[in-house]
Amino acid sequence: MANSGPNTNGSQFFLVYKDTTLGPNYTLWGKIVSGLEIVKYIAQGGVKDGGVDGAPLRTIGIERAITSNS
């Protein structure tokens, strides 16, 4: 979950792909259990500014998300 300072946690979140390290200000709160092929497709399209990290070049949308306490 994004965090840019005190009282700023909100609805922005990241789908982390491959090995990466998140800073201590970020909250890890789930994992991808199906549909990983879609995440791979998005990652293969690259990111803005040509770097290795950032917003994807491919436009995506989340139509449904399911949560559980398990």
PDB file of N, CA and C in Angstrom:
ATOM      1  N   MET A   1       0.848  -1.161   0.000  1.00  0.00           N
ATOM      2  CA  MET A   1       0.000   0.000   0.000  1.00  0.00           C
ATOM      3  C   MET A   1       0.902   1.234   0.000  1.00  0.00           C
ATOM      4  N   ALA A   2       0.548   2.194  -0.803  1.00  0.00           N
ATOM      5  CA  ALA A   2       1.357   3.409  -0.912  1.00  0.00           C
ATOM      6  C   ALA A   2       1.362   4.183   0.405  1.00  0.00           C
ATOM      7  N   ASN A   3       2.460   4.886   0.651  1.00  0.00           N
ATOM      8  CA  ASN A   3       2.584   5.682   1.862  1.00  0.00           C
ATOM      9  C   ASN A   3       3.601   6.782   1.592  1.00  0.00           C
ATOM     10  N   SER A   4       3.145   8.029   1.626  1.00  0.00           N
ATOM     11  CA  SER A   4       4.068   9.141   1.396  1.00  0.00           C
ATOM     12  C   SER A   4       4.275   9.982   2.648  1.00  0.00           C
ATOM     13  N   GLY A   5       3.915   9.438   3.810  1.00  0.00           N
ATOM     14  CA  GLY A   5       4.120  10.143   5.063  1.00  0.00           C
ATOM     15  C   GLY A   5       3.012   9.829   6.051  1.00  0.00           C
ATOM     16  N   PRO A   6       3.035  10.478   7.210  1.00  0.00           N
ATOM     17  CA  PRO A   6       2.026  10.229   8.231  1.00  0.00           C
ATOM     18  C   PRO A   6       0.603  10.461   7.705  1.00  0.00           C
ATOM     19  N   ASN A   7      -0.297   9.554   8.039  1.00  0.00           N
ATOM     20  CA  ASN A   7      -1.724   9.650   7.696  1.00  0.00           C
ATOM     21  C   ASN A   7      -1.982   9.709   6.193  1.00  0.00           C
ATOM     22  N   THR A   8      -1.157   9.049   5.400  1.00  0.00           N
ATOM     23  CA  THR A   8      -1.348   9.098   3.945  1.00  0.00           C
ATOM     24  C   THR A   8      -1.680   7.743   3.328  1.00  0.00           C
ATOM     25  N   ASN A   9      -1.772   6.678   4.118  1.00  0.00           N
ATOM     26  CA  ASN A   9      -2.142   5.383   3.543  1.00  0.00           C
ATOM     27  C   ASN A   9      -3.509   5.519   2.899  1.00  0.00           C
ATOM     28  N   GLY A  10      -3.645   4.993   1.703  1.00  0.00           N
ATOM     29  CA  GLY A  10      -4.910   5.144   1.002  1.00  0.00           C
ATOM     30  C   GLY A  10      -5.194   3.979   0.090  1.00  0.00           C
ATOM     31  N   SER A  11      -5.816   4.283  -1.033  1.00  0.00           N
ATOM     32  CA  SER A  11      -6.273   3.223  -1.921  1.00  0.00           C
ATOM     33  C   SER A  11      -5.257   2.849  -2.993  1.00  0.00           C
ATOM     34  N   GLN A  12      -4.124   3.496  -3.061  1.00  0.00           N
ATOM     35  CA  GLN A  12      -3.113   3.134  -4.050  1.00  0.00           C
ATOM     36  C   GLN A  12      -2.304   1.953  -3.522  1.00  0.00           C
ATOM     37  N   PHE A  13      -2.105   0.965  -4.403  1.00  0.00           N
ATOM     38  CA  PHE A  13      -1.308  -0.174  -3.988  1.00  0.00           C
ATOM     39  C   PHE A  13      -0.470  -0.667  -5.154  1.00  0.00           C
ATOM     40  N   PHE A  14       0.464  -1.550  -4.867  1.00  0.00           N
ATOM     41  CA  PHE A  14       1.408  -2.053  -5.857  1.00  0.00           C
ATOM     42  C   PHE A  14       1.212  -3.546  -6.057  1.00  0.00           C
ATOM     43  N   LEU A  15       1.392  -3.999  -7.288  1.00  0.00           N
ATOM     44  CA  LEU A  15       1.544  -5.422  -7.563  1.00  0.00           C
ATOM     45  C   LEU A  15       3.038  -5.617  -7.768  1.00  0.00           C
ATOM     46  N   VAL A  16       3.680  -6.258  -6.826  1.00  0.00           N
ATOM     47  CA  VAL A  16       5.124  -6.431  -6.882  1.00  0.00           C
ATOM     48  C   VAL A  16       5.423  -7.704  -7.658  1.00  0.00           C
ATOM     49  N   TYR A  17       6.280  -7.580  -8.670  1.00  0.00           N
ATOM     50  CA  TYR A  17       6.614  -8.691  -9.553  1.00  0.00           C
ATOM     51  C   TYR A  17       8.087  -9.021  -9.425  1.00  0.00           C
ATOM     52  N   LYS A  18       8.404 -10.277  -9.281  1.00  0.00           N
ATOM     53  CA  LYS A  18       9.765 -10.785  -9.089  1.00  0.00           C
ATOM     54  C   LYS A  18      10.315 -10.316  -7.742  1.00  0.00           C
ATOM     55  N   ASP A  19      11.578 -10.568  -7.508  1.00  0.00           N
ATOM     56  CA  ASP A  19      12.194 -10.204  -6.233  1.00  0.00           C
ATOM     57  C   ASP A  19      12.353  -8.695  -6.141  1.00  0.00           C
ATOM     58  N   THR A  20      11.897  -8.144  -5.041  1.00  0.00           N
ATOM     59  CA  THR A  20      12.056  -6.714  -4.795  1.00  0.00           C
ATOM     60  C   THR A  20      12.010  -6.467  -3.298  1.00  0.00           C
ATOM     61  N   THR A  21      12.502  -5.341  -2.887  1.00  0.00           N
ATOM     62  CA  THR A  21      12.480  -4.969  -1.483  1.00  0.00           C
ATOM     63  C   THR A  21      11.633  -3.721  -1.326  1.00  0.00           C
ATOM     64  N   LEU A  22      10.665  -3.786  -0.433  1.00  0.00           N
ATOM     65  CA  LEU A  22       9.850  -2.614  -0.123  1.00  0.00           C
ATOM     66  C   LEU A  22      10.381  -1.975   1.146  1.00  0.00           C
ATOM     67  N   GLY A  23      10.334  -0.662   1.199  1.00  0.00           N
ATOM     68  CA  GLY A  23      10.773   0.052   2.388  1.00  0.00           C
ATOM     69  C   GLY A  23       9.850  -0.202   3.569  1.00  0.00           C
ATOM     70  N   PRO A  24      10.291   0.136   4.767  1.00  0.00           N
ATOM     71  CA  PRO A  24       9.506  -0.125   5.973  1.00  0.00           C
ATOM     72  C   PRO A  24       8.213   0.683   6.059  1.00  0.00           C
ATOM     73  N   ASN A  25       8.056   1.717   5.235  1.00  0.00           N
ATOM     74  CA  ASN A  25       6.832   2.519   5.270  1.00  0.00           C
ATOM     75  C   ASN A  25       5.697   1.905   4.461  1.00  0.00           C
ATOM     76  N   TYR A  26       5.961   0.802   3.762  1.00  0.00           N
ATOM     77  CA  TYR A  26       4.945   0.170   2.927  1.00  0.00           C
ATOM     78  C   TYR A  26       4.371  -1.051   3.631  1.00  0.00           C
ATOM     79  N   THR A  27       3.080  -1.263   3.465  1.00  0.00           N
ATOM     80  CA  THR A  27       2.394  -2.372   4.102  1.00  0.00           C
ATOM     81  C   THR A  27       2.179  -3.500   3.106  1.00  0.00           C
ATOM     82  N   LEU A  28       2.685  -4.679   3.408  1.00  0.00           N
ATOM     83  CA  LEU A  28       2.434  -5.868   2.610  1.00  0.00           C
ATOM     84  C   LEU A  28       1.166  -6.507   3.152  1.00  0.00           C
ATOM     85  N   TRP A  29       0.145  -6.639   2.300  1.00  0.00           N
ATOM     86  CA  TRP A  29      -1.122  -7.141   2.830  1.00  0.00           C
ATOM     87  C   TRP A  29      -1.786  -8.214   1.992  1.00  0.00           C
ATOM     88  N   GLY A  30      -1.089  -8.803   1.063  1.00  0.00           N
ATOM     89  CA  GLY A  30      -1.696  -9.878   0.285  1.00  0.00           C
ATOM     90  C   GLY A  30      -0.707 -10.510  -0.663  1.00  0.00           C
ATOM     91  N   LYS A  31      -1.212 -11.477  -1.435  1.00  0.00           N
ATOM     92  CA  LYS A  31      -0.386 -12.121  -2.453  1.00  0.00           C
ATOM     93  C   LYS A  31      -1.279 -12.516  -3.621  1.00  0.00           C
ATOM     94  N   ILE A  32      -0.682 -12.642  -4.774  1.00  0.00           N
ATOM     95  CA  ILE A  32      -1.403 -13.048  -5.973  1.00  0.00           C
ATOM     96  C   ILE A  32      -1.485 -14.566  -5.962  1.00  0.00           C
ATOM     97  N   VAL A  33      -2.708 -15.109  -5.982  1.00  0.00           N
ATOM     98  CA  VAL A  33      -2.872 -16.561  -5.933  1.00  0.00           C
ATOM     99  C   VAL A  33      -3.356 -17.138  -7.258  1.00  0.00           C
ATOM    100  N   SER A  34      -3.823 -16.300  -8.156  1.00  0.00           N
ATOM    101  CA  SER A  34      -4.175 -16.753  -9.503  1.00  0.00           C
ATOM    102  C   SER A  34      -4.081 -15.561 -10.442  1.00  0.00           C
ATOM    103  N   GLY A  35      -3.933 -15.843 -11.723  1.00  0.00           N
ATOM    104  CA  GLY A  35      -3.828 -14.768 -12.701  1.00  0.00           C
ATOM    105  C   GLY A  35      -2.437 -14.205 -12.867  1.00  0.00           C
ATOM    106  N   LEU A  36      -1.423 -14.932 -12.388  1.00  0.00           N
ATOM    107  CA  LEU A  36      -0.051 -14.425 -12.491  1.00  0.00           C
ATOM    108  C   LEU A  36       0.361 -14.201 -13.942  1.00  0.00           C
ATOM    109  N   GLU A  37      -0.239 -14.938 -14.876  1.00  0.00           N
ATOM    110  CA  GLU A  37       0.087 -14.735 -16.291  1.00  0.00           C
ATOM    111  C   GLU A  37      -0.270 -13.321 -16.738  1.00  0.00           C
ATOM    112  N   ILE A  38      -1.275 -12.716 -16.144  1.00  0.00           N
ATOM    113  CA  ILE A  38      -1.644 -11.337 -16.474  1.00  0.00           C
ATOM    114  C   ILE A  38      -0.584 -10.375 -15.949  1.00  0.00           C
ATOM    115  N   VAL A  39      -0.097 -10.618 -14.744  1.00  0.00           N
ATOM    116  CA  VAL A  39       0.966  -9.784 -14.178  1.00  0.00           C
ATOM    117  C   VAL A  39       2.221  -9.886 -15.042  1.00  0.00           C
ATOM    118  N   LYS A  40       2.551 -11.086 -15.501  1.00  0.00           N
ATOM    119  CA  LYS A  40       3.714 -11.269 -16.375  1.00  0.00           C
ATOM    120  C   LYS A  40       3.528 -10.508 -17.688  1.00  0.00           C
ATOM    121  N   TYR A  41       2.318 -10.549 -18.251  1.00  0.00           N
ATOM    122  CA  TYR A  41       2.016  -9.824 -19.492  1.00  0.00           C
ATOM    123  C   TYR A  41       2.235  -8.322 -19.302  1.00  0.00           C
ATOM    124  N   ILE A  42       1.760  -7.792 -18.193  1.00  0.00           N
ATOM    125  CA  ILE A  42       1.923  -6.366 -17.900  1.00  0.00           C
ATOM    126  C   ILE A  42       3.405  -6.031 -17.752  1.00  0.00           C
ATOM    127  N   ALA A  43       4.150  -6.872 -17.021  1.00  0.00           N
ATOM    128  CA  ALA A  43       5.582  -6.632 -16.796  1.00  0.00           C
ATOM    129  C   ALA A  43       6.369  -6.669 -18.099  1.00  0.00           C
ATOM    130  N   GLN A  44       6.010  -7.555 -19.010  1.00  0.00           N
ATOM    131  CA  GLN A  44       6.721  -7.666 -20.285  1.00  0.00           C
ATOM    132  C   GLN A  44       6.546  -6.421 -21.146  1.00  0.00           C
ATOM    133  N   GLY A  45       5.505  -5.631 -20.882  1.00  0.00           N
ATOM    134  CA  GLY A  45       5.275  -4.406 -21.643  1.00  0.00           C
ATOM    135  C   GLY A  45       6.179  -3.259 -21.244  1.00  0.00           C
ATOM    136  N   GLY A  46       6.891  -3.406 -20.132  1.00  0.00           N
ATOM    137  CA  GLY A  46       7.798  -2.357 -19.675  1.00  0.00           C
ATOM    138  C   GLY A  46       7.100  -1.316 -18.817  1.00  0.00           C
ATOM    139  N   VAL A  47       7.900  -0.358 -18.350  1.00  0.00           N
ATOM    140  CA  VAL A  47       7.382   0.705 -17.492  1.00  0.00           C
ATOM    141  C   VAL A  47       7.684   2.064 -18.100  1.00  0.00           C
ATOM    142  N   LYS A  48       6.940   3.065 -17.641  1.00  0.00           N
ATOM    143  CA  LYS A  48       7.156   4.431 -18.120  1.00  0.00           C
ATOM    144  C   LYS A  48       8.581   4.864 -17.812  1.00  0.00           C
ATOM    145  N   ASP A  49       9.137   5.676 -18.633  1.00  0.00           N
ATOM    146  CA  ASP A  49      10.504   6.191 -18.514  1.00  0.00           C
ATOM    147  C   ASP A  49      11.567   5.130 -18.754  1.00  0.00           C
ATOM    148  N   GLY A  50      11.180   3.912 -19.185  1.00  0.00           N
ATOM    149  CA  GLY A  50      12.146   2.891 -19.561  1.00  0.00           C
ATOM    150  C   GLY A  50      12.958   2.285 -18.437  1.00  0.00           C
ATOM    151  N   GLY A  51      12.604   2.547 -17.197  1.00  0.00           N
ATOM    152  CA  GLY A  51      13.351   1.991 -16.074  1.00  0.00           C
ATOM    153  C   GLY A  51      12.946   0.560 -15.778  1.00  0.00           C
ATOM    154  N   VAL A  52      13.297   0.095 -14.603  1.00  0.00           N
ATOM    155  CA  VAL A  52      12.935  -1.253 -14.182  1.00  0.00           C
ATOM    156  C   VAL A  52      11.816  -1.241 -13.148  1.00  0.00           C
ATOM    157  N   ASP A  53      11.395  -0.047 -12.730  1.00  0.00           N
ATOM    158  CA  ASP A  53      10.384   0.088 -11.691  1.00  0.00           C
ATOM    159  C   ASP A  53       9.502   1.275 -12.032  1.00  0.00           C
ATOM    160  N   GLY A  54       8.212   1.139 -11.832  1.00  0.00           N
ATOM    161  CA  GLY A  54       7.320   2.260 -12.073  1.00  0.00           C
ATOM    162  C   GLY A  54       6.000   1.828 -12.672  1.00  0.00           C
ATOM    163  N   ALA A  55       5.236   2.807 -13.101  1.00  0.00           N
ATOM    164  CA  ALA A  55       3.914   2.550 -13.676  1.00  0.00           C
ATOM    165  C   ALA A  55       4.051   1.791 -14.995  1.00  0.00           C
ATOM    166  N   PRO A  56       3.176   0.811 -15.240  1.00  0.00           N
ATOM    167  CA  PRO A  56       3.274   0.032 -16.476  1.00  0.00           C
ATOM    168  C   PRO A  56       2.868   0.834 -17.703  1.00  0.00           C
ATOM    169  N   LEU A  57       3.480   0.491 -18.845  1.00  0.00           N
ATOM    170  CA  LEU A  57       3.097   1.116 -20.112  1.00  0.00           C
ATOM    171  C   LEU A  57       1.741   0.606 -20.591  1.00  0.00           C
ATOM    172  N   ARG A  58       1.437  -0.643 -20.304  1.00  0.00           N
ATOM    173  CA  ARG A  58       0.161  -1.224 -20.715  1.00  0.00           C
ATOM    174  C   ARG A  58      -0.937  -0.770 -19.762  1.00  0.00           C
ATOM    175  N   THR A  59      -2.040  -0.297 -20.348  1.00  0.00           N
ATOM    176  CA  THR A  59      -3.182   0.132 -19.546  1.00  0.00           C
ATOM    177  C   THR A  59      -3.891  -1.094 -18.981  1.00  0.00           C
ATOM    178  N   ILE A  60      -4.170  -1.045 -17.693  1.00  0.00           N
ATOM    179  CA  ILE A  60      -4.847  -2.161 -17.043  1.00  0.00           C
ATOM    180  C   ILE A  60      -5.973  -1.641 -16.169  1.00  0.00           C
ATOM    181  N   GLY A  61      -6.858  -2.524 -15.787  1.00  0.00           N
ATOM    182  CA  GLY A  61      -7.922  -2.194 -14.851  1.00  0.00           C
ATOM    183  C   GLY A  61      -8.271  -3.421 -14.033  1.00  0.00           C
ATOM    184  N   ILE A  62      -8.634  -3.226 -12.808  1.00  0.00           N
ATOM    185  CA  ILE A  62      -9.053  -4.330 -11.946  1.00  0.00           C
ATOM    186  C   ILE A  62     -10.568  -4.280 -11.866  1.00  0.00           C
ATOM    187  N   GLU A  63     -11.208  -5.318 -12.368  1.00  0.00           N
ATOM    188  CA  GLU A  63     -12.664  -5.379 -12.363  1.00  0.00           C
ATOM    189  C   GLU A  63     -13.210  -5.996 -11.092  1.00  0.00           C
ATOM    190  N   ARG A  64     -12.415  -6.873 -10.463  1.00  0.00           N
ATOM    191  CA  ARG A  64     -12.896  -7.555  -9.268  1.00  0.00           C
ATOM    192  C   ARG A  64     -11.711  -8.010  -8.436  1.00  0.00           C
ATOM    193  N   ALA A  65     -11.819  -7.898  -7.145  1.00  0.00           N
ATOM    194  CA  ALA A  65     -10.805  -8.402  -6.216  1.00  0.00           C
ATOM    195  C   ALA A  65     -11.519  -9.151  -5.103  1.00  0.00           C
ATOM    196  N   ILE A  66     -10.986 -10.290  -4.727  1.00  0.00           N
ATOM    197  CA  ILE A  66     -11.582 -11.112  -3.682  1.00  0.00           C
ATOM    198  C   ILE A  66     -10.610 -11.169  -2.514  1.00  0.00           C
ATOM    199  N   THR A  67     -11.102 -10.959  -1.322  1.00  0.00           N
ATOM    200  CA  THR A  67     -10.259 -11.025  -0.132  1.00  0.00           C
ATOM    201  C   THR A  67     -10.737 -12.152   0.774  1.00  0.00           C
ATOM    202  N   SER A  68      -9.837 -12.628   1.612  1.00  0.00           N
ATOM    203  CA  SER A  68     -10.197 -13.643   2.598  1.00  0.00           C
ATOM    204  C   SER A  68      -9.303 -13.468   3.814  1.00  0.00           C
ATOM    205  N   ASN A  69      -9.679 -14.094   4.897  1.00  0.00           N
ATOM    206  CA  ASN A  69      -8.896 -14.010   6.130  1.00  0.00           C
ATOM    207  C   ASN A  69      -7.983 -15.206   6.318  1.00  0.00           C
ATOM    208  N   SER A  70      -7.821 -16.042   5.305  1.00  0.00           N
ATOM    209  CA  SER A  70      -7.002 -17.249   5.472  1.00  0.00           C
ATOM    210  C   SER A  70      -5.553 -16.999   5.175  1.00  0.00           C
TER     211      SER A  70
END
